[in-house]
C-alpha atoms as a PDB file:
ATOM      1  CA  MET A   1     -47.643 -38.732 -36.296  1.00  0.00           C
ATOM      2  CA  HIS A   2     -48.792 -40.927 -33.205  1.00  0.00           C
ATOM      3  CA  GLU A   3     -46.347 -40.931 -30.328  1.00  0.00           C
ATOM      4  CA  THR A   4     -44.992 -44.694 -29.706  1.00  0.00           C
ATOM      5  CA  SER A   5     -41.461 -45.899 -28.393  1.00  0.00           C
ATOM      6  CA  THR A   6     -40.539 -46.889 -32.108  1.00  0.00           C
ATOM      7  CA  ASP A   7     -42.112 -43.665 -33.614  1.00  0.00           C
ATOM      8  CA  LYS A   8     -39.306 -41.413 -35.575  1.00  0.00           C
ATOM      9  CA  HIS A   9     -41.526 -38.229 -34.301  1.00  0.00           C
ATOM     10  CA  PRO A  10     -41.424 -38.003 -30.618  1.00  0.00           C
ATOM     11  CA  LEU A  11     -44.301 -35.354 -30.564  1.00  0.00           C
ATOM     12  CA  SER A  12     -48.029 -36.415 -30.505  1.00  0.00           C
ATOM     13  CA  ASP A  13     -50.020 -34.960 -33.299  1.00  0.00           C
ATOM     14  CA  LEU A  14     -51.739 -32.626 -30.606  1.00  0.00           C
ATOM     15  CA  ALA A  15     -48.356 -30.931 -29.590  1.00  0.00           C
ATOM     16  CA  TYR A  16     -47.076 -30.669 -33.296  1.00  0.00           C
ATOM     17  CA  ASP A  17     -50.361 -28.727 -34.005  1.00  0.00           C
ATOM     18  CA  TRP A  18     -49.805 -26.279 -30.964  1.00  0.00           C
ATOM     19  CA  ILE A  19     -46.191 -25.857 -32.192  1.00  0.00           C
ATOM     20  CA  THR A  20     -47.530 -25.200 -35.604  1.00  0.00           C
ATOM     21  CA  LEU A  21     -50.034 -22.746 -34.569  1.00  0.00           C
ATOM     22  CA  ILE A  22     -47.776 -20.929 -32.543  1.00  0.00           C
ATOM     23  CA  GLN A  23     -45.072 -20.676 -35.357  1.00  0.00           C
ATOM     24  CA  ASN A  24     -47.837 -19.156 -37.585  1.00  0.00           C
ATOM     25  CA  LYS A  25     -49.253 -16.664 -35.000  1.00  0.00           C
ATOM     26  CA  ALA A  26     -45.615 -15.641 -34.543  1.00  0.00           C
ATOM     27  CA  GLN A  27     -44.883 -14.842 -38.292  1.00  0.00           C
ATOM     28  CA  ALA A  28     -48.100 -13.263 -38.489  1.00  0.00           C
ATOM     29  CA  LEU A  29     -47.275 -10.840 -35.901  1.00  0.00           C
ATOM     30  CA  MET A  30     -44.248  -9.930 -37.354  1.00  0.00           C
ATOM     31  CA  ALA A  31     -46.264  -9.173 -40.645  1.00  0.00           C
ATOM     32  CA  TYR A  32     -48.682  -7.410 -39.048  1.00  0.00           C
ATOM     33  CA  ASP A  33     -45.597  -4.901 -37.730  1.00  0.00           C
ATOM     34  CA  GLN A  34     -44.685  -4.219 -41.035  1.00  0.00           C
ATOM     35  CA  TYR A  35     -48.458  -3.739 -42.052  1.00  0.00           C
ATOM     36  CA  ILE A  36     -48.993  -1.032 -39.218  1.00  0.00           C
ATOM     37  CA  LYS A  37     -45.567   0.508 -40.653  1.00  0.00           C
ATOM     38  CA  ASP A  38     -46.875   0.413 -44.316  1.00  0.00           C
ATOM     39  CA  ALA A  39     -50.212   1.799 -43.127  1.00  0.00           C
ATOM     40  CA  GLU A  40     -48.290   4.779 -41.219  1.00  0.00           C
ATOM     41  CA  ALA A  41     -46.281   5.454 -44.172  1.00  0.00           C
ATOM     42  CA  ALA A  42     -49.440   5.766 -46.420  1.00  0.00           C
ATOM     43  CA  LYS A  43     -51.084   8.080 -43.793  1.00  0.00           C
ATOM     44  CA  SER A  44     -53.961   5.718 -43.030  1.00  0.00           C
ATOM     45  CA  PRO A  45     -54.433   5.736 -39.263  1.00  0.00           C
ATOM     46  CA  GLU A  46     -57.715   3.880 -39.898  1.00  0.00           C
ATOM     47  CA  CYS A  47     -55.699   0.951 -41.409  1.00  0.00           C
ATOM     48  CA  ALA A  48     -52.676   1.106 -38.990  1.00  0.00           C
ATOM     49  CA  ALA A  49     -55.639   0.964 -36.090  1.00  0.00           C
ATOM     50  CA  PHE A  50     -57.024  -2.065 -37.717  1.00  0.00           C
ATOM     51  CA  PHE A  51     -53.702  -3.694 -37.944  1.00  0.00           C
ATOM     52  CA  ARG A  52     -53.090  -2.958 -34.454  1.00  0.00           C
ATOM     53  CA  LYS A  53     -56.313  -4.496 -33.387  1.00  0.00           C
ATOM     54  CA  VAL A  54     -55.590  -7.820 -35.354  1.00  0.00           C
ATOM     55  CA  HIS A  55     -51.883  -7.869 -33.710  1.00  0.00           C
ATOM     56  CA  GLU A  56     -53.163  -7.534 -30.234  1.00  0.00           C
ATOM     57  CA  ALA A  57     -55.899 -10.480 -31.004  1.00  0.00           C
ATOM     58  CA  ASP A  58     -53.449 -12.822 -32.300  1.00  0.00           C
ATOM     59  CA  LYS A  59     -50.834 -11.844 -29.461  1.00  0.00           C
ATOM     60  CA  ALA A  60     -53.483 -12.838 -26.994  1.00  0.00           C
ATOM     61  CA  GLN A  61     -54.391 -16.184 -28.710  1.00  0.00           C
ATOM     62  CA  LEU A  62     -50.547 -16.838 -28.953  1.00  0.00           C
ATOM     63  CA  ALA A  63     -50.156 -16.499 -25.041  1.00  0.00           C
ATOM     64  CA  GLU A  64     -53.276 -18.754 -24.646  1.00  0.00           C
ATOM     65  CA  ALA A  65     -51.607 -21.226 -27.232  1.00  0.00           C
ATOM     66  CA  LYS A  66     -48.660 -21.351 -25.240  1.00  0.00           C
ATOM     67  CA  GLN A  67     -50.352 -22.289 -22.105  1.00  0.00           C
ATOM     68  CA  HIS A  68     -52.165 -25.194 -23.984  1.00  0.00           C
ATOM     69  CA  LEU A  69     -48.745 -26.467 -25.487  1.00  0.00           C
ATOM     70  CA  ILE A  70     -47.277 -26.415 -21.974  1.00  0.00           C
ATOM     71  CA  ALA A  71     -50.304 -28.394 -20.564  1.00  0.00           C
ATOM     72  CA  VAL A  72     -50.045 -30.908 -23.623  1.00  0.00           C
ATOM     73  CA  LEU A  73     -46.283 -31.461 -23.054  1.00  0.00           C
ATOM     74  CA  GLN A  74     -46.745 -31.987 -19.435  1.00  0.00           C
ATOM     75  CA  GLY A  75     -49.654 -34.550 -20.186  1.00  0.00           C
ATOM     76  CA  LYS A  76     -52.211 -32.426 -18.522  1.00  0.00           C
ATOM     77  CA  MET A  77     -54.059 -32.094 -21.805  1.00  0.00           C
ATOM     78  CA  GLY A  78     -54.875 -34.588 -24.319  1.00  0.00           C
ATOM     79  CA  ALA A  79     -54.833 -38.210 -24.454  1.00  0.00           C
ATOM     80  CA  GLY A  80     -51.646 -40.374 -24.747  1.00  0.00           C
END
């Protein structure tokens, strides 16, 4: 999906990749919320703690990914 003036897709491959990653991370965070509830309902604090740990790691990665996307869209990162 290369960006050109006649291209039907106005996003570069790199921008599209970041958007897709952000969408996937956001969906995962929502799923982890449910996993935490399920673990709590099952009275498994160890599982809930692990799901919280994964949630926090993905949340931090999502924040970083947003900054990369902004840089790509502003032309500060990536070629073309």
